[in-house]
Amino acid sequence: MQAILNNTGQITIPEPIRRQLHLQPGDTVEVMIGEAGEIKLLPVSAPITKLKGMLPQPAKPLSLEAMQLAIAKGAIDS
């Protein structure tokens, strides 16, 4: 996908990207440069309901116990 930079330094985010990120007019986004020089665009804040469907569903559901173990392991590894 390509976007054109206008004379004021603005680009229009292509509609498929806006749809995937659930962006609406007036939303705030974080713009960062990645390690490989790529531009990263992330929604700054969104109600939890807007995040639904952004990640693929896991192959199999996790139990609450499995989630708690993963969280505890991540806290230890940090």
N, C-alpha and C. Protein backbone atom coordinates (compact mmCIF):
# COMPACT_ATOMS: atom_id res chain seq x y z
N MET A 1 0.84 -1.17 0.00
CA MET A 1 0.00 0.00 0.00
C MET A 1 0.89 1.24 0.00
N GLN A 2 0.47 2.24 -0.70
CA GLN A 2 1.22 3.48 -0.75
C GLN A 2 0.34 4.64 -0.34
N ALA A 3 0.98 5.68 0.17
CA ALA A 3 0.30 6.93 0.50
C ALA A 3 1.19 8.06 0.02
N ILE A 4 0.60 9.17 -0.33
CA ILE A 4 1.36 10.31 -0.85
C ILE A 4 1.46 11.38 0.24
N LEU A 5 2.65 11.87 0.43
CA LEU A 5 2.92 12.95 1.38
C LEU A 5 2.53 14.27 0.71
N ASN A 6 1.66 15.05 1.36
CA ASN A 6 1.27 16.32 0.74
C ASN A 6 2.25 17.43 1.14
N ASN A 7 2.03 18.64 0.64
CA ASN A 7 2.99 19.73 0.86
C ASN A 7 3.02 20.22 2.30
N THR A 8 2.09 19.78 3.16
CA THR A 8 2.15 20.15 4.58
C THR A 8 2.68 19.00 5.44
N GLY A 9 3.17 17.94 4.79
CA GLY A 9 3.75 16.82 5.51
C GLY A 9 2.74 15.80 5.99
N GLN A 10 1.52 15.87 5.49
CA GLN A 10 0.48 14.93 5.92
C GLN A 10 0.29 13.82 4.90
N ILE A 11 -0.13 12.67 5.40
CA ILE A 11 -0.53 11.57 4.53
C ILE A 11 -1.92 11.11 4.95
N THR A 12 -2.62 10.49 4.04
CA THR A 12 -3.90 9.87 4.36
C THR A 12 -3.62 8.40 4.62
N ILE A 13 -4.03 7.92 5.79
CA ILE A 13 -3.85 6.51 6.11
C ILE A 13 -4.84 5.73 5.26
N PRO A 14 -4.35 4.76 4.49
CA PRO A 14 -5.27 3.99 3.63
C PRO A 14 -6.40 3.36 4.43
N GLU A 15 -7.57 3.32 3.81
CA GLU A 15 -8.77 2.84 4.48
C GLU A 15 -8.63 1.43 5.06
N PRO A 16 -8.00 0.46 4.37
CA PRO A 16 -7.87 -0.87 4.99
C PRO A 16 -7.08 -0.85 6.31
N ILE A 17 -6.10 0.04 6.41
CA ILE A 17 -5.32 0.16 7.65
C ILE A 17 -6.18 0.81 8.73
N ARG A 18 -6.90 1.87 8.38
CA ARG A 18 -7.79 2.52 9.36
C ARG A 18 -8.81 1.53 9.88
N ARG A 19 -9.34 0.70 8.98
CA ARG A 19 -10.34 -0.29 9.39
C ARG A 19 -9.72 -1.33 10.32
N GLN A 20 -8.53 -1.84 9.97
CA GLN A 20 -7.90 -2.87 10.81
C GLN A 20 -7.54 -2.34 12.19
N LEU A 21 -7.11 -1.08 12.26
CA LEU A 21 -6.76 -0.47 13.55
C LEU A 21 -7.96 0.15 14.25
N HIS A 22 -9.12 0.08 13.60
CA HIS A 22 -10.35 0.65 14.16
C HIS A 22 -10.20 2.15 14.43
N LEU A 23 -9.55 2.85 13.51
CA LEU A 23 -9.33 4.28 13.67
C LEU A 23 -10.52 5.06 13.13
N GLN A 24 -10.87 6.10 13.86
CA GLN A 24 -11.96 6.99 13.50
C GLN A 24 -11.42 8.41 13.44
N PRO A 25 -12.07 9.31 12.70
CA PRO A 25 -11.63 10.71 12.68
C PRO A 25 -11.51 11.25 14.11
N GLY A 26 -10.41 11.93 14.38
CA GLY A 26 -10.17 12.50 15.70
C GLY A 26 -9.38 11.60 16.64
N ASP A 27 -9.18 10.31 16.27
CA ASP A 27 -8.39 9.41 17.11
C ASP A 27 -6.93 9.87 17.13
N THR A 28 -6.25 9.60 18.23
CA THR A 28 -4.83 9.92 18.36
C THR A 28 -4.02 8.66 18.10
N VAL A 29 -2.91 8.83 17.36
CA VAL A 29 -2.03 7.69 17.08
C VAL A 29 -0.61 8.04 17.48
N GLU A 30 0.15 7.02 17.82
CA GLU A 30 1.57 7.15 18.14
C GLU A 30 2.33 6.77 16.87
N VAL A 31 3.28 7.62 16.45
CA VAL A 31 4.09 7.35 15.27
C VAL A 31 5.53 7.14 15.75
N MET A 32 6.09 5.99 15.40
CA MET A 32 7.45 5.66 15.83
C MET A 32 8.25 5.14 14.63
N ILE A 33 9.56 5.21 14.74
CA ILE A 33 10.43 4.62 13.73
C ILE A 33 10.99 3.35 14.32
N GLY A 34 10.80 2.22 13.63
CA GLY A 34 11.29 0.93 14.08
C GLY A 34 12.78 0.76 13.84
N GLU A 35 13.32 -0.34 14.35
CA GLU A 35 14.76 -0.61 14.24
C GLU A 35 15.24 -0.70 12.80
N ALA A 36 14.38 -1.17 11.92
CA ALA A 36 14.76 -1.33 10.51
C ALA A 36 14.40 -0.09 9.68
N GLY A 37 14.01 1.00 10.34
CA GLY A 37 13.67 2.23 9.64
C GLY A 37 12.22 2.32 9.20
N GLU A 38 11.42 1.32 9.57
CA GLU A 38 10.01 1.35 9.19
C GLU A 38 9.23 2.28 10.13
N ILE A 39 8.13 2.77 9.63
CA ILE A 39 7.26 3.62 10.44
C ILE A 39 6.21 2.74 11.09
N LYS A 40 6.03 2.92 12.40
CA LYS A 40 5.01 2.18 13.15
C LYS A 40 3.94 3.16 13.57
N LEU A 41 2.71 2.76 13.38
CA LEU A 41 1.56 3.60 13.71
C LEU A 41 0.67 2.82 14.65
N LEU A 42 0.50 3.32 15.89
CA LEU A 42 -0.28 2.62 16.90
C LEU A 42 -1.34 3.53 17.48
N PRO A 43 -2.56 3.02 17.66
CA PRO A 43 -3.57 3.82 18.35
C PRO A 43 -3.10 4.12 19.78
N VAL A 44 -3.23 5.36 20.22
CA VAL A 44 -2.78 5.74 21.56
C VAL A 44 -3.67 5.16 22.63
N SER A 45 -4.93 5.37 22.51
CA SER A 45 -5.86 4.83 23.49
C SER A 45 -7.15 4.49 22.78
N ALA A 46 -7.73 3.44 23.25
CA ALA A 46 -9.00 3.03 22.66
C ALA A 46 -9.80 2.30 23.72
N PRO A 47 -11.10 2.46 23.69
CA PRO A 47 -11.91 1.68 24.61
C PRO A 47 -11.68 0.19 24.33
N ILE A 48 -11.74 -0.61 25.33
CA ILE A 48 -11.49 -2.04 25.19
C ILE A 48 -12.38 -2.66 24.11
N THR A 49 -13.56 -2.12 23.93
CA THR A 49 -14.47 -2.67 22.92
C THR A 49 -13.94 -2.46 21.51
N LYS A 50 -13.11 -1.42 21.29
CA LYS A 50 -12.55 -1.19 19.96
C LYS A 50 -11.43 -2.18 19.65
N LEU A 51 -10.87 -2.82 20.68
CA LEU A 51 -9.77 -3.75 20.46
C LEU A 51 -10.23 -5.14 20.03
N LYS A 52 -11.51 -5.41 20.22
CA LYS A 52 -12.04 -6.73 19.88
C LYS A 52 -11.78 -7.06 18.41
N GLY A 53 -11.22 -8.24 18.20
CA GLY A 53 -11.00 -8.72 16.84
C GLY A 53 -9.68 -8.29 16.23
N MET A 54 -8.87 -7.49 16.93
CA MET A 54 -7.60 -7.04 16.35
C MET A 54 -6.55 -8.15 16.35
N LEU A 55 -6.66 -9.09 17.28
CA LEU A 55 -5.72 -10.20 17.34
C LEU A 55 -6.42 -11.48 16.91
N PRO A 56 -5.67 -12.39 16.30
CA PRO A 56 -6.31 -13.65 15.92
C PRO A 56 -6.67 -14.46 17.16
N GLN A 57 -7.70 -15.28 17.03
CA GLN A 57 -8.09 -16.13 18.15
C GLN A 57 -7.04 -17.21 18.33
N PRO A 58 -6.77 -17.61 19.58
CA PRO A 58 -5.79 -18.69 19.80
C PRO A 58 -6.30 -20.00 19.22
N ALA A 59 -5.36 -20.90 18.91
CA ALA A 59 -5.73 -22.20 18.35
C ALA A 59 -6.67 -22.94 19.30
N LYS A 60 -6.40 -22.83 20.58
CA LYS A 60 -7.31 -23.43 21.56
C LYS A 60 -7.44 -22.47 22.73
N PRO A 61 -8.61 -22.41 23.35
CA PRO A 61 -8.81 -21.49 24.47
C PRO A 61 -7.87 -21.81 25.63
N LEU A 62 -7.44 -20.77 26.33
CA LEU A 62 -6.60 -20.93 27.51
C LEU A 62 -7.47 -20.86 28.76
N SER A 63 -7.11 -21.65 29.74
CA SER A 63 -7.82 -21.58 31.02
C SER A 63 -7.33 -20.36 31.78
N LEU A 64 -8.10 -19.94 32.75
CA LEU A 64 -7.69 -18.82 33.59
C LEU A 64 -6.38 -19.15 34.30
N GLU A 65 -6.24 -20.39 34.74
CA GLU A 65 -5.00 -20.82 35.41
C GLU A 65 -3.80 -20.70 34.47
N ALA A 66 -3.95 -21.10 33.22
CA ALA A 66 -2.85 -21.00 32.25
C ALA A 66 -2.47 -19.54 32.00
N MET A 67 -3.48 -18.65 31.94
CA MET A 67 -3.19 -17.23 31.75
C MET A 67 -2.44 -16.66 32.96
N GLN A 68 -2.87 -17.04 34.16
CA GLN A 68 -2.21 -16.54 35.37
C GLN A 68 -0.77 -17.03 35.45
N LEU A 69 -0.52 -18.28 35.06
CA LEU A 69 0.85 -18.81 35.04
C LEU A 69 1.72 -18.05 34.05
N ALA A 70 1.18 -17.75 32.87
CA ALA A 70 1.94 -17.01 31.86
C ALA A 70 2.25 -15.59 32.36
N ILE A 71 1.29 -14.96 33.03
CA ILE A 71 1.52 -13.61 33.58
C ILE A 71 2.59 -13.66 34.65
N ALA A 72 2.52 -14.65 35.54
CA ALA A 72 3.51 -14.79 36.60
C ALA A 72 4.89 -15.05 36.02
N LYS A 73 4.98 -15.89 35.00
CA LYS A 73 6.25 -16.18 34.36
C LYS A 73 6.83 -14.94 33.72
N GLY A 74 5.97 -14.14 33.06
CA GLY A 74 6.43 -12.88 32.45
C GLY A 74 6.94 -11.91 33.48
N ALA A 75 6.31 -11.88 34.65
CA ALA A 75 6.75 -10.96 35.72
C ALA A 75 8.10 -11.40 36.26
N ILE A 76 8.34 -12.69 36.32
CA ILE A 76 9.62 -13.21 36.82
C ILE A 76 10.72 -12.94 35.81
N ASP A 77 10.41 -13.11 34.52
CA ASP A 77 11.40 -12.94 33.45
C ASP A 77 11.78 -11.48 33.22
N SER A 78 10.93 -10.55 33.69
CA SER A 78 11.19 -9.12 33.43
C SER A 78 12.28 -8.57 34.28
